[in-house]
Amino acid sequence: MKRFVMGALLVMGVVGSAGTAIAQDGGARGFYSELAKASGHRRTLACHFLRLDGELVSFHYALELADRYFLLKPTYSESLKELSPGHLLVYEVLRDCIQRGVNEFDFLGPDMPWKRDWTSNTRLHTWLFIFRDSTFGRALCRAKFRWMPAAQRVMQRWNR
């Protein structure tokens, strides 16, 4: 396990069978690349890699601010999932954080079963959606909060 603080992250490694979610989405890739540049300049970017025989098997894209570690995007090789490379990297990063005096490791995001392997503490996870005040933005808002929920209710009734 190596810890790197970089000025810019230009390419996310291909880890899963179809690559990382970031690598697959141009908008997400741009966002995370810009975040990497900005946080790299502030020396808050923390990228951890776990390699097996030179091949990337797990990766953390994180921010470290003061004494807190924020795990933004973890990924691991699906071909090695039975060996739990993602959990192994969490273990190594936690060990490193403790040695360096980091007081908090935040998994971020919604509660998920794999996170419960490490902690029972949770925080409320809230989504914030912002839409442009335009015809298209209002249509997206309606689709997200009216049309899709209505379609899901219809599908649930139909599947009973």
N, C-alpha and C. Protein backbone atom coordinates (compact mmCIF):
# COMPACT_ATOMS: atom_id res chain seq x y z
N MET A 1 0.85 -1.17 0.00
CA MET A 1 0.00 0.00 0.00
C MET A 1 0.89 1.22 0.00
N LYS A 2 0.60 2.15 -0.88
CA LYS A 2 1.36 3.39 -0.95
C LYS A 2 0.39 4.55 -0.84
N ARG A 3 0.83 5.61 -0.20
CA ARG A 3 0.04 6.82 -0.10
C ARG A 3 0.67 7.86 -0.99
N PHE A 4 -0.12 8.44 -1.86
CA PHE A 4 0.37 9.48 -2.75
C PHE A 4 -0.46 10.73 -2.57
N VAL A 5 0.17 11.86 -2.47
CA VAL A 5 -0.51 13.14 -2.54
C VAL A 5 -0.03 13.76 -3.83
N MET A 6 -0.96 14.02 -4.73
CA MET A 6 -0.58 14.44 -6.07
C MET A 6 -1.18 15.80 -6.40
N GLY A 7 -0.56 16.47 -7.35
CA GLY A 7 -1.06 17.76 -7.81
C GLY A 7 -2.20 17.62 -8.78
N ALA A 8 -2.28 16.54 -9.50
CA ALA A 8 -3.36 16.35 -10.45
C ALA A 8 -3.53 14.86 -10.69
N LEU A 9 -4.74 14.46 -10.84
CA LEU A 9 -5.04 13.07 -11.15
C LEU A 9 -5.69 13.07 -12.51
N LEU A 10 -4.98 12.59 -13.50
CA LEU A 10 -5.47 12.70 -14.86
C LEU A 10 -6.20 11.45 -15.33
N VAL A 11 -5.82 10.30 -14.83
CA VAL A 11 -6.43 9.07 -15.28
C VAL A 11 -6.77 8.22 -14.07
N MET A 12 -8.01 7.75 -14.01
CA MET A 12 -8.40 6.81 -12.98
C MET A 12 -8.11 5.42 -13.50
N GLY A 13 -7.47 4.59 -12.72
CA GLY A 13 -7.12 3.25 -13.16
C GLY A 13 -8.35 2.41 -13.45
N VAL A 14 -8.25 1.54 -14.41
CA VAL A 14 -9.32 0.61 -14.71
C VAL A 14 -9.21 -0.54 -13.73
N VAL A 15 -10.22 -0.70 -12.88
CA VAL A 15 -10.17 -1.72 -11.86
C VAL A 15 -11.27 -2.74 -12.07
N GLY A 16 -12.51 -2.31 -12.22
CA GLY A 16 -13.61 -3.23 -12.41
C GLY A 16 -13.63 -3.77 -13.83
N SER A 17 -14.57 -4.68 -14.08
CA SER A 17 -14.63 -5.29 -15.41
C SER A 17 -14.92 -4.27 -16.49
N ALA A 18 -15.66 -3.22 -16.16
CA ALA A 18 -15.96 -2.18 -17.14
C ALA A 18 -15.22 -0.88 -16.81
N GLY A 19 -14.27 -0.94 -15.87
CA GLY A 19 -13.57 0.27 -15.46
C GLY A 19 -14.31 0.93 -14.31
N THR A 20 -13.72 1.96 -13.74
CA THR A 20 -14.35 2.63 -12.62
C THR A 20 -15.55 3.45 -13.11
N ALA A 21 -16.46 3.74 -12.19
CA ALA A 21 -17.61 4.58 -12.53
C ALA A 21 -17.13 5.94 -13.02
N ILE A 22 -16.07 6.44 -12.43
CA ILE A 22 -15.54 7.74 -12.84
C ILE A 22 -15.02 7.67 -14.27
N ALA A 23 -14.30 6.61 -14.60
CA ALA A 23 -13.71 6.49 -15.93
C ALA A 23 -14.78 6.36 -17.01
N GLN A 24 -15.94 5.83 -16.66
CA GLN A 24 -17.00 5.60 -17.64
C GLN A 24 -17.81 6.85 -17.94
N ASP A 25 -17.79 7.83 -17.06
CA ASP A 25 -18.65 9.01 -17.19
C ASP A 25 -17.76 10.24 -17.38
N GLY A 26 -17.83 10.85 -18.57
CA GLY A 26 -17.00 12.01 -18.87
C GLY A 26 -17.20 13.17 -17.91
N GLY A 27 -18.45 13.42 -17.52
CA GLY A 27 -18.72 14.50 -16.58
C GLY A 27 -18.11 14.24 -15.22
N ALA A 28 -18.27 13.01 -14.73
CA ALA A 28 -17.69 12.64 -13.43
C ALA A 28 -16.17 12.69 -13.51
N ARG A 29 -15.62 12.20 -14.61
CA ARG A 29 -14.16 12.21 -14.79
C ARG A 29 -13.64 13.64 -14.74
N GLY A 30 -14.33 14.56 -15.43
CA GLY A 30 -13.93 15.97 -15.40
C GLY A 30 -14.02 16.56 -14.01
N PHE A 31 -15.12 16.26 -13.31
CA PHE A 31 -15.31 16.78 -11.95
C PHE A 31 -14.18 16.30 -11.04
N TYR A 32 -13.94 14.99 -11.04
CA TYR A 32 -12.92 14.44 -10.14
C TYR A 32 -11.51 14.85 -10.55
N SER A 33 -11.27 15.07 -11.83
CA SER A 33 -9.96 15.56 -12.26
C SER A 33 -9.74 16.99 -11.77
N GLU A 34 -10.76 17.82 -11.87
CA GLU A 34 -10.65 19.20 -11.38
C GLU A 34 -10.51 19.23 -9.86
N LEU A 35 -11.27 18.37 -9.19
CA LEU A 35 -11.15 18.28 -7.73
C LEU A 35 -9.74 17.84 -7.35
N ALA A 36 -9.18 16.89 -8.10
CA ALA A 36 -7.82 16.43 -7.83
C ALA A 36 -6.82 17.57 -7.99
N LYS A 37 -6.97 18.37 -9.03
CA LYS A 37 -6.06 19.50 -9.24
C LYS A 37 -6.15 20.50 -8.09
N ALA A 38 -7.38 20.86 -7.74
CA ALA A 38 -7.58 21.86 -6.68
C ALA A 38 -7.11 21.33 -5.33
N SER A 39 -7.48 20.09 -5.00
CA SER A 39 -7.09 19.54 -3.70
C SER A 39 -5.61 19.19 -3.68
N GLY A 40 -5.05 18.88 -4.84
CA GLY A 40 -3.60 18.63 -4.91
C GLY A 40 -2.81 19.88 -4.59
N HIS A 41 -3.27 21.01 -5.10
CA HIS A 41 -2.60 22.28 -4.82
C HIS A 41 -2.69 22.63 -3.34
N ARG A 42 -3.78 22.22 -2.71
CA ARG A 42 -3.97 22.48 -1.27
C ARG A 42 -3.36 21.38 -0.41
N ARG A 43 -2.81 20.37 -1.07
CA ARG A 43 -2.20 19.22 -0.41
C ARG A 43 -3.20 18.47 0.47
N THR A 44 -4.43 18.35 -0.02
CA THR A 44 -5.46 17.60 0.71
C THR A 44 -5.89 16.34 -0.04
N LEU A 45 -5.38 16.13 -1.24
CA LEU A 45 -5.72 14.94 -2.01
C LEU A 45 -4.95 13.75 -1.46
N ALA A 46 -5.64 12.65 -1.22
CA ALA A 46 -5.00 11.42 -0.73
C ALA A 46 -5.46 10.27 -1.62
N CYS A 47 -4.55 9.72 -2.37
CA CYS A 47 -4.85 8.57 -3.22
C CYS A 47 -4.04 7.39 -2.71
N HIS A 48 -4.71 6.31 -2.46
CA HIS A 48 -4.05 5.09 -1.99
C HIS A 48 -4.27 4.00 -3.02
N PHE A 49 -3.21 3.26 -3.29
CA PHE A 49 -3.24 2.19 -4.28
C PHE A 49 -2.81 0.89 -3.62
N LEU A 50 -3.47 -0.18 -3.97
CA LEU A 50 -3.03 -1.51 -3.57
C LEU A 50 -2.78 -2.28 -4.85
N ARG A 51 -1.57 -2.80 -4.98
CA ARG A 51 -1.18 -3.52 -6.19
C ARG A 51 -0.81 -4.95 -5.84
N LEU A 52 -1.08 -5.85 -6.75
CA LEU A 52 -0.70 -7.24 -6.64
C LEU A 52 0.08 -7.59 -7.90
N ASP A 53 1.34 -7.95 -7.73
CA ASP A 53 2.22 -8.24 -8.87
C ASP A 53 2.21 -7.10 -9.88
N GLY A 54 2.20 -5.88 -9.38
CA GLY A 54 2.24 -4.71 -10.24
C GLY A 54 0.90 -4.27 -10.79
N GLU A 55 -0.14 -5.06 -10.59
CA GLU A 55 -1.46 -4.74 -11.12
C GLU A 55 -2.31 -4.06 -10.05
N LEU A 56 -2.96 -2.95 -10.41
CA LEU A 56 -3.83 -2.24 -9.50
C LEU A 56 -5.02 -3.11 -9.14
N VAL A 57 -5.23 -3.37 -7.83
CA VAL A 57 -6.35 -4.21 -7.40
C VAL A 57 -7.32 -3.46 -6.50
N SER A 58 -6.90 -2.33 -5.95
CA SER A 58 -7.81 -1.51 -5.15
C SER A 58 -7.27 -0.09 -5.11
N PHE A 59 -8.19 0.86 -4.98
CA PHE A 59 -7.82 2.27 -5.07
C PHE A 59 -8.75 3.10 -4.20
N HIS A 60 -8.19 4.08 -3.50
CA HIS A 60 -8.97 5.07 -2.76
C HIS A 60 -8.68 6.44 -3.34
N TYR A 61 -9.73 7.15 -3.66
CA TYR A 61 -9.65 8.57 -4.04
C TYR A 61 -10.27 9.29 -2.86
N ALA A 62 -9.47 10.04 -2.13
CA ALA A 62 -9.93 10.61 -0.87
C ALA A 62 -9.38 12.01 -0.66
N LEU A 63 -9.93 12.68 0.31
CA LEU A 63 -9.42 13.97 0.76
C LEU A 63 -9.03 13.83 2.22
N GLU A 64 -7.96 14.49 2.60
CA GLU A 64 -7.57 14.51 3.99
C GLU A 64 -7.44 15.95 4.42
N LEU A 65 -8.27 16.35 5.35
CA LEU A 65 -8.31 17.72 5.85
C LEU A 65 -8.07 17.69 7.35
N ALA A 66 -7.05 18.43 7.79
CA ALA A 66 -6.66 18.46 9.20
C ALA A 66 -6.45 17.02 9.66
N ASP A 67 -7.27 16.55 10.56
CA ASP A 67 -7.10 15.19 11.08
C ASP A 67 -8.26 14.27 10.67
N ARG A 68 -8.83 14.53 9.48
CA ARG A 68 -9.97 13.74 9.01
C ARG A 68 -9.71 13.23 7.60
N TYR A 69 -10.08 11.96 7.38
CA TYR A 69 -9.92 11.30 6.09
C TYR A 69 -11.32 11.08 5.51
N PHE A 70 -11.56 11.59 4.31
CA PHE A 70 -12.86 11.48 3.65
C PHE A 70 -12.73 10.60 2.41
N LEU A 71 -13.28 9.41 2.46
CA LEU A 71 -13.20 8.47 1.35
C LEU A 71 -14.27 8.82 0.32
N LEU A 72 -13.85 9.44 -0.78
CA LEU A 72 -14.79 9.86 -1.81
C LEU A 72 -15.18 8.71 -2.75
N LYS A 73 -14.18 8.00 -3.25
CA LYS A 73 -14.43 6.95 -4.24
C LYS A 73 -13.48 5.77 -4.01
N PRO A 74 -13.99 4.68 -3.46
CA PRO A 74 -13.18 3.46 -3.39
C PRO A 74 -13.50 2.56 -4.59
N THR A 75 -12.55 1.75 -4.99
CA THR A 75 -12.82 0.77 -6.04
C THR A 75 -11.88 -0.41 -5.83
N TYR A 76 -12.24 -1.54 -6.41
CA TYR A 76 -11.42 -2.73 -6.30
C TYR A 76 -11.63 -3.60 -7.52
N SER A 77 -10.73 -4.53 -7.71
CA SER A 77 -10.81 -5.44 -8.84
C SER A 77 -11.87 -6.50 -8.58
N GLU A 78 -12.90 -6.49 -9.42
CA GLU A 78 -13.98 -7.46 -9.26
C GLU A 78 -13.50 -8.89 -9.47
N SER A 79 -12.45 -9.05 -10.25
CA SER A 79 -11.94 -10.40 -10.50
C SER A 79 -11.30 -11.01 -9.25
N LEU A 80 -10.98 -10.16 -8.27
CA LEU A 80 -10.36 -10.65 -7.03
C LEU A 80 -11.27 -10.45 -5.82
N LYS A 81 -12.57 -10.29 -6.06
CA LYS A 81 -13.47 -9.93 -4.95
C LYS A 81 -13.47 -10.95 -3.82
N GLU A 82 -13.22 -12.22 -4.12
CA GLU A 82 -13.19 -13.23 -3.06
C GLU A 82 -12.01 -13.03 -2.11
N LEU A 83 -11.02 -12.26 -2.52
CA LEU A 83 -9.87 -11.94 -1.67
C LEU A 83 -10.05 -10.62 -0.92
N SER A 84 -11.14 -9.92 -1.19
CA SER A 84 -11.48 -8.65 -0.53
C SER A 84 -10.39 -7.59 -0.61
N PRO A 85 -9.91 -7.26 -1.81
CA PRO A 85 -8.86 -6.25 -1.89
C PRO A 85 -9.32 -4.88 -1.39
N GLY A 86 -10.60 -4.57 -1.54
CA GLY A 86 -11.11 -3.29 -1.03
C GLY A 86 -11.02 -3.21 0.48
N HIS A 87 -11.38 -4.30 1.16
CA HIS A 87 -11.28 -4.33 2.62
C HIS A 87 -9.83 -4.31 3.07
N LEU A 88 -8.97 -4.98 2.33
CA LEU A 88 -7.55 -4.97 2.68
C LEU A 88 -6.99 -3.56 2.59
N LEU A 89 -7.38 -2.82 1.56
CA LEU A 89 -6.90 -1.45 1.44
C LEU A 89 -7.47 -0.58 2.55
N VAL A 90 -8.76 -0.74 2.90
CA VAL A 90 -9.32 0.02 4.02
C VAL A 90 -8.50 -0.25 5.28
N TYR A 91 -8.19 -1.51 5.53
CA TYR A 91 -7.40 -1.88 6.71
C TYR A 91 -6.05 -1.15 6.71
N GLU A 92 -5.36 -1.19 5.58
CA GLU A 92 -4.04 -0.56 5.49
C GLU A 92 -4.13 0.96 5.64
N VAL A 93 -5.15 1.56 5.03
CA VAL A 93 -5.31 3.01 5.13
C VAL A 93 -5.66 3.40 6.56
N LEU A 94 -6.54 2.65 7.20
CA LEU A 94 -6.88 2.92 8.60
C LEU A 94 -5.64 2.83 9.49
N ARG A 95 -4.84 1.80 9.27
CA ARG A 95 -3.62 1.62 10.06
C ARG A 95 -2.69 2.82 9.86
N ASP A 96 -2.54 3.27 8.60
CA ASP A 96 -1.72 4.43 8.29
C ASP A 96 -2.27 5.69 8.95
N CYS A 97 -3.58 5.86 8.89
CA CYS A 97 -4.21 7.04 9.49
C CYS A 97 -3.98 7.08 11.00
N ILE A 98 -4.13 5.94 11.65
CA ILE A 98 -3.92 5.88 13.09
C ILE A 98 -2.48 6.22 13.43
N GLN A 99 -1.54 5.69 12.68
CA GLN A 99 -0.12 5.97 12.93
C GLN A 99 0.20 7.45 12.77
N ARG A 100 -0.48 8.11 11.86
CA ARG A 100 -0.21 9.54 11.60
C ARG A 100 -1.05 10.47 12.45
N GLY A 101 -1.93 9.92 13.30
CA GLY A 101 -2.73 10.76 14.19
C GLY A 101 -4.02 11.28 13.59
N VAL A 102 -4.47 10.68 12.49
CA VAL A 102 -5.77 11.07 11.92
C VAL A 102 -6.86 10.59 12.88
N ASN A 103 -7.78 11.47 13.24
CA ASN A 103 -8.78 11.15 14.26
C ASN A 103 -10.10 10.62 13.71
N GLU A 104 -10.35 10.83 12.43
CA GLU A 104 -11.63 10.39 11.89
C GLU A 104 -11.46 9.87 10.47
N PHE A 105 -12.08 8.75 10.20
CA PHE A 105 -12.13 8.15 8.87
C PHE A 105 -13.60 8.14 8.49
N ASP A 106 -13.98 8.92 7.51
CA ASP A 106 -15.38 9.05 7.10
C ASP A 106 -15.58 8.34 5.76
N PHE A 107 -16.42 7.31 5.75
CA PHE A 107 -16.71 6.57 4.53
C PHE A 107 -17.58 7.37 3.56
N LEU A 108 -18.23 8.40 4.05
CA LEU A 108 -19.13 9.24 3.27
C LEU A 108 -20.25 8.42 2.61
N GLY A 109 -21.21 9.11 2.07
CA GLY A 109 -22.28 8.45 1.33
C GLY A 109 -23.26 7.69 2.21
N PRO A 110 -24.18 7.02 1.56
CA PRO A 110 -25.23 6.30 2.29
C PRO A 110 -24.68 5.07 3.00
N ASP A 111 -25.45 4.60 3.98
CA ASP A 111 -25.10 3.39 4.72
C ASP A 111 -25.11 2.20 3.76
N MET A 112 -24.07 1.40 3.83
CA MET A 112 -23.95 0.22 2.97
C MET A 112 -23.41 -0.94 3.80
N PRO A 113 -23.79 -2.17 3.47
CA PRO A 113 -23.35 -3.31 4.27
C PRO A 113 -21.83 -3.41 4.45
N TRP A 114 -21.05 -3.15 3.40
CA TRP A 114 -19.60 -3.28 3.54
C TRP A 114 -19.02 -2.27 4.51
N LYS A 115 -19.66 -1.11 4.65
CA LYS A 115 -19.19 -0.11 5.60
C LYS A 115 -19.45 -0.56 7.03
N ARG A 116 -20.53 -1.32 7.22
CA ARG A 116 -20.88 -1.84 8.55
C ARG A 116 -19.86 -2.85 9.05
N ASP A 117 -19.04 -3.39 8.16
CA ASP A 117 -17.95 -4.27 8.60
C ASP A 117 -16.90 -3.49 9.38
N TRP A 118 -16.88 -2.17 9.21
CA TRP A 118 -15.87 -1.34 9.84
C TRP A 118 -16.39 -0.48 10.98
N THR A 119 -17.66 -0.12 10.94
CA THR A 119 -18.21 0.75 11.98
C THR A 119 -19.72 0.61 12.05
N SER A 120 -20.26 0.86 13.22
CA SER A 120 -21.72 0.89 13.36
C SER A 120 -22.21 2.33 13.43
N ASN A 121 -21.29 3.28 13.45
CA ASN A 121 -21.65 4.70 13.50
C ASN A 121 -22.07 5.18 12.12
N THR A 122 -23.18 5.90 12.07
CA THR A 122 -23.64 6.45 10.80
C THR A 122 -24.02 7.92 10.99
N ARG A 123 -24.07 8.61 9.87
CA ARG A 123 -24.56 9.99 9.83
C ARG A 123 -25.67 10.05 8.81
N LEU A 124 -26.56 10.98 8.98
CA LEU A 124 -27.62 11.19 8.01
C LEU A 124 -27.01 11.54 6.67
N HIS A 125 -27.46 10.89 5.63
CA HIS A 125 -26.99 11.16 4.28
C HIS A 125 -28.10 11.88 3.54
N THR A 126 -27.82 13.06 3.03
CA THR A 126 -28.82 13.87 2.36
C THR A 126 -28.35 14.19 0.94
N TRP A 127 -29.27 14.06 0.00
CA TRP A 127 -28.99 14.43 -1.38
C TRP A 127 -29.46 15.85 -1.63
N LEU A 128 -28.71 16.58 -2.41
CA LEU A 128 -29.10 17.93 -2.81
C LEU A 128 -29.08 17.97 -4.33
N PHE A 129 -30.20 18.27 -4.91
CA PHE A 129 -30.30 18.39 -6.36
C PHE A 129 -30.53 19.85 -6.71
N ILE A 130 -29.76 20.35 -7.63
CA ILE A 130 -29.88 21.74 -8.07
C ILE A 130 -30.15 21.72 -9.57
N PHE A 131 -31.21 22.38 -9.97
CA PHE A 131 -31.60 22.45 -11.38
C PHE A 131 -31.58 23.89 -11.83
N ARG A 132 -31.20 24.11 -13.06
CA ARG A 132 -31.24 25.46 -13.63
C ARG A 132 -32.68 25.94 -13.71
N ASP A 133 -32.87 27.25 -13.55
CA ASP A 133 -34.20 27.83 -13.70
C ASP A 133 -34.45 28.08 -15.18
N SER A 134 -34.71 26.97 -15.88
CA SER A 134 -34.97 27.02 -17.31
C SER A 134 -36.03 25.97 -17.61
N THR A 135 -36.56 25.98 -18.81
CA THR A 135 -37.56 24.99 -19.19
C THR A 135 -36.99 23.59 -19.03
N PHE A 136 -35.76 23.38 -19.50
CA PHE A 136 -35.13 22.07 -19.40
C PHE A 136 -34.90 21.69 -17.93
N GLY A 137 -34.41 22.63 -17.13
CA GLY A 137 -34.15 22.37 -15.71
C GLY A 137 -35.43 22.02 -14.97
N ARG A 138 -36.50 22.74 -15.24
CA ARG A 138 -37.79 22.44 -14.59
C ARG A 138 -38.30 21.07 -15.02
N ALA A 139 -38.10 20.72 -16.30
CA ALA A 139 -38.51 19.40 -16.78
C ALA A 139 -37.70 18.30 -16.08
N LEU A 140 -36.42 18.50 -15.92
CA LEU A 140 -35.60 17.52 -15.20
C LEU A 140 -36.06 17.36 -13.77
N CYS A 141 -36.38 18.47 -13.13
CA CYS A 141 -36.86 18.44 -11.75
C CYS A 141 -38.17 17.66 -11.67
N ARG A 142 -39.09 17.93 -12.57
CA ARG A 142 -40.37 17.19 -12.58
C ARG A 142 -40.14 15.70 -12.84
N ALA A 143 -39.25 15.41 -13.76
CA ALA A 143 -38.96 14.00 -14.07
C ALA A 143 -38.40 13.29 -12.84
N LYS A 144 -37.49 13.93 -12.15
CA LYS A 144 -36.86 13.32 -10.98
C LYS A 144 -37.83 13.14 -9.82
N PHE A 145 -38.64 14.15 -9.53
CA PHE A 145 -39.43 14.13 -8.31
C PHE A 145 -40.92 13.86 -8.50
N ARG A 146 -41.40 13.87 -9.73
CA ARG A 146 -42.82 13.58 -9.96
C ARG A 146 -43.01 12.37 -10.87
N TRP A 147 -42.45 12.45 -12.06
CA TRP A 147 -42.73 11.41 -13.06
C TRP A 147 -42.10 10.07 -12.69
N MET A 148 -40.84 10.07 -12.30
CA MET A 148 -40.19 8.80 -11.94
C MET A 148 -40.84 8.15 -10.73
N PRO A 149 -41.12 8.89 -9.64
CA PRO A 149 -41.81 8.25 -8.51
C PRO A 149 -43.19 7.71 -8.90
N ALA A 150 -43.92 8.45 -9.75
CA ALA A 150 -45.23 7.97 -10.19
C ALA A 150 -45.08 6.68 -11.00
N ALA A 151 -44.09 6.65 -11.88
CA ALA A 151 -43.86 5.44 -12.68
C ALA A 151 -43.45 4.27 -11.79
N GLN A 152 -42.67 4.51 -10.77
CA GLN A 152 -42.27 3.45 -9.85
C GLN A 152 -43.46 2.91 -9.07
N ARG A 153 -44.38 3.80 -8.66
CA ARG A 153 -45.59 3.34 -7.94
C ARG A 153 -46.44 2.47 -8.84
N VAL A 154 -46.58 2.87 -10.11
CA VAL A 154 -47.36 2.08 -11.06
C VAL A 154 -46.72 0.71 -11.25
N MET A 155 -45.40 0.67 -11.41
CA MET A 155 -44.69 -0.59 -11.59
C MET A 155 -44.82 -1.49 -10.36
N GLN A 156 -44.77 -0.91 -9.18
CA GLN A 156 -44.92 -1.70 -7.96
C GLN A 156 -46.30 -2.33 -7.88
N ARG A 157 -47.34 -1.55 -8.22
CA ARG A 157 -48.70 -2.09 -8.21
C ARG A 157 -48.87 -3.17 -9.27
N TRP A 158 -48.25 -2.97 -10.40
CA TRP A 158 -48.36 -3.91 -11.52
C TRP A 158 -47.66 -5.22 -11.20
N ASN A 159 -46.53 -5.14 -10.45
CA ASN A 159 -45.75 -6.35 -10.13
C ASN A 159 -46.31 -7.14 -8.96
N ARG A 160 -47.33 -6.67 -8.28
CA ARG A 160 -47.89 -7.41 -7.13
C ARG A 160 -48.62 -8.63 -7.53
